[in-house]
Amino acid sequence: MFVQLLPLVPIFAIFYFLVMRPARTKQKATQAMLEALKPGDRVVTSAGIHGTVVALAEDIVQLRIADNVKVDFSKSAIIGKKE
């Protein structure tokens, strides 16, 4: 029975290094980026909206997307920072 389970070990190792580990690394990087947000940062939302951070609350980010247009987004909607 042990011999039948032996091939599963390399399969699990490959799955871990190709799928699980990169996903965890990306999640940590995204979390660090969200924690480092400050007013003036340019960001992109999951809806593809580009804006500038105006204000931050615990879970809410207010973005200026045009002159005199400010919109509140959930922090989890921010997917990236523009340089």
C-alpha atoms as a PDB file:
ATOM      1  CA  MET A   1       0.000   0.000   0.000  1.00  0.00           C
ATOM      2  CA  PHE A   2       2.883   2.372   0.784  1.00  0.00           C
ATOM      3  CA  VAL A   3       4.291   1.781  -2.701  1.00  0.00           C
ATOM      4  CA  GLN A   4       0.981   2.900  -4.251  1.00  0.00           C
ATOM      5  CA  LEU A   5       1.050   6.193  -2.319  1.00  0.00           C
ATOM      6  CA  LEU A   6       4.712   6.912  -3.095  1.00  0.00           C
ATOM      7  CA  PRO A   7       4.050   8.546  -6.528  1.00  0.00           C
ATOM      8  CA  LEU A   8       1.689  11.027  -4.868  1.00  0.00           C
ATOM      9  CA  VAL A   9       4.538  12.641  -2.916  1.00  0.00           C
ATOM     10  CA  PRO A  10       6.330  14.099  -5.975  1.00  0.00           C
ATOM     11  CA  ILE A  11       2.994  15.122  -7.487  1.00  0.00           C
ATOM     12  CA  PHE A  12       2.103  17.039  -4.326  1.00  0.00           C
ATOM     13  CA  ALA A  13       5.585  18.620  -4.226  1.00  0.00           C
ATOM     14  CA  ILE A  14       5.273  19.786  -7.846  1.00  0.00           C
ATOM     15  CA  PHE A  15       1.787  21.148  -7.160  1.00  0.00           C
ATOM     16  CA  TYR A  16       3.071  23.017  -4.107  1.00  0.00           C
ATOM     17  CA  PHE A  17       6.015  24.657  -5.874  1.00  0.00           C
ATOM     18  CA  LEU A  18       4.142  25.495  -9.096  1.00  0.00           C
ATOM     19  CA  VAL A  19       0.786  26.614  -7.712  1.00  0.00           C
ATOM     20  CA  MET A  20       0.525  27.139  -3.968  1.00  0.00           C
ATOM     21  CA  ARG A  21       3.834  28.847  -3.198  1.00  0.00           C
ATOM     22  CA  PRO A  22       3.668  31.503  -5.978  1.00  0.00           C
ATOM     23  CA  ALA A  23       0.048  32.284  -5.049  1.00  0.00           C
ATOM     24  CA  ARG A  24       0.997  32.788  -1.403  1.00  0.00           C
ATOM     25  CA  THR A  25       3.934  35.014  -2.396  1.00  0.00           C
ATOM     26  CA  LYS A  26       1.702  37.152  -4.616  1.00  0.00           C
ATOM     27  CA  GLN A  27      -0.911  37.426  -1.852  1.00  0.00           C
ATOM     28  CA  LYS A  28       1.723  38.630   0.635  1.00  0.00           C
ATOM     29  CA  ALA A  29       3.029  41.204  -1.861  1.00  0.00           C
ATOM     30  CA  THR A  30      -0.492  42.512  -2.516  1.00  0.00           C
ATOM     31  CA  GLN A  31      -1.199  42.752   1.218  1.00  0.00           C
ATOM     32  CA  ALA A  32       2.042  44.674   1.781  1.00  0.00           C
ATOM     33  CA  MET A  33       1.144  47.059  -1.062  1.00  0.00           C
ATOM     34  CA  LEU A  34      -2.309  47.693   0.441  1.00  0.00           C
ATOM     35  CA  GLU A  35      -0.835  48.384   3.881  1.00  0.00           C
ATOM     36  CA  ALA A  36       1.655  50.849   2.381  1.00  0.00           C
ATOM     37  CA  LEU A  37      -0.967  52.912   0.511  1.00  0.00           C
ATOM     38  CA  LYS A  38      -0.904  56.623   1.245  1.00  0.00           C
ATOM     39  CA  PRO A  39      -2.656  59.682  -0.181  1.00  0.00           C
ATOM     40  CA  GLY A  40      -1.209  60.654  -3.528  1.00  0.00           C
ATOM     41  CA  ASP A  41      -0.530  57.090  -4.706  1.00  0.00           C
ATOM     42  CA  ARG A  42      -1.842  56.209  -8.161  1.00  0.00           C
ATOM     43  CA  VAL A  43      -3.665  52.863  -8.204  1.00  0.00           C
ATOM     44  CA  VAL A  44      -5.731  50.565 -10.408  1.00  0.00           C
ATOM     45  CA  THR A  45      -8.894  48.814  -9.196  1.00  0.00           C
ATOM     46  CA  SER A  46     -10.164  45.367 -10.125  1.00  0.00           C
ATOM     47  CA  ALA A  47     -12.743  47.105 -12.338  1.00  0.00           C
ATOM     48  CA  GLY A  48      -9.936  48.753 -14.305  1.00  0.00           C
ATOM     49  CA  ILE A  49     -10.501  52.227 -12.892  1.00  0.00           C
ATOM     50  CA  HIS A  50      -7.344  54.302 -12.518  1.00  0.00           C
ATOM     51  CA  GLY A  51      -7.275  56.896  -9.766  1.00  0.00           C
ATOM     52  CA  THR A  52      -5.306  58.720  -7.107  1.00  0.00           C
ATOM     53  CA  VAL A  53      -5.725  57.902  -3.427  1.00  0.00           C
ATOM     54  CA  VAL A  54      -7.267  60.852  -1.596  1.00  0.00           C
ATOM     55  CA  ALA A  55      -8.192  59.358   1.780  1.00  0.00           C
ATOM     56  CA  LEU A  56      -7.853  56.065   3.602  1.00  0.00           C
ATOM     57  CA  ALA A  57     -10.034  54.450   6.231  1.00  0.00           C
ATOM     58  CA  GLU A  58      -9.722  50.974   7.709  1.00  0.00           C
ATOM     59  CA  ASP A  59     -11.319  49.119   4.777  1.00  0.00           C
ATOM     60  CA  ILE A  60     -12.266  52.005   2.471  1.00  0.00           C
ATOM     61  CA  VAL A  61     -10.090  53.898   0.002  1.00  0.00           C
ATOM     62  CA  GLN A  62     -11.316  57.130  -1.546  1.00  0.00           C
ATOM     63  CA  LEU A  63     -10.009  57.678  -5.074  1.00  0.00           C
ATOM     64  CA  ARG A  64     -10.080  60.763  -7.240  1.00  0.00           C
ATOM     65  CA  ILE A  65     -10.816  59.519 -10.746  1.00  0.00           C
ATOM     66  CA  ALA A  66     -11.376  62.933 -12.370  1.00  0.00           C
ATOM     67  CA  ASP A  67     -11.457  66.578 -11.353  1.00  0.00           C
ATOM     68  CA  ASN A  68     -13.992  66.957  -8.519  1.00  0.00           C
ATOM     69  CA  VAL A  69     -14.971  63.266  -8.746  1.00  0.00           C
ATOM     70  CA  LYS A  70     -14.171  61.124  -5.708  1.00  0.00           C
ATOM     71  CA  VAL A  71     -15.325  57.528  -5.350  1.00  0.00           C
ATOM     72  CA  ASP A  72     -15.089  55.163  -2.379  1.00  0.00           C
ATOM     73  CA  PHE A  73     -13.741  51.653  -2.989  1.00  0.00           C
ATOM     74  CA  SER A  74     -13.141  48.677  -0.785  1.00  0.00           C
ATOM     75  CA  LYS A  75      -9.429  48.220  -0.121  1.00  0.00           C
ATOM     76  CA  SER A  76      -9.650  44.727  -1.567  1.00  0.00           C
ATOM     77  CA  ALA A  77     -10.653  46.237  -4.932  1.00  0.00           C
ATOM     78  CA  ILE A  78      -7.196  47.785  -5.320  1.00  0.00           C
ATOM     79  CA  ILE A  79      -5.090  45.379  -7.384  1.00  0.00           C
ATOM     80  CA  GLY A  80      -2.022  47.411  -8.209  1.00  0.00           C
ATOM     81  CA  LYS A  81      -0.040  50.581  -7.888  1.00  0.00           C
ATOM     82  CA  LYS A  82       0.995  52.687 -10.870  1.00  0.00           C
ATOM     83  CA  GLU A  83       4.457  54.193 -10.805  1.00  0.00           C
END
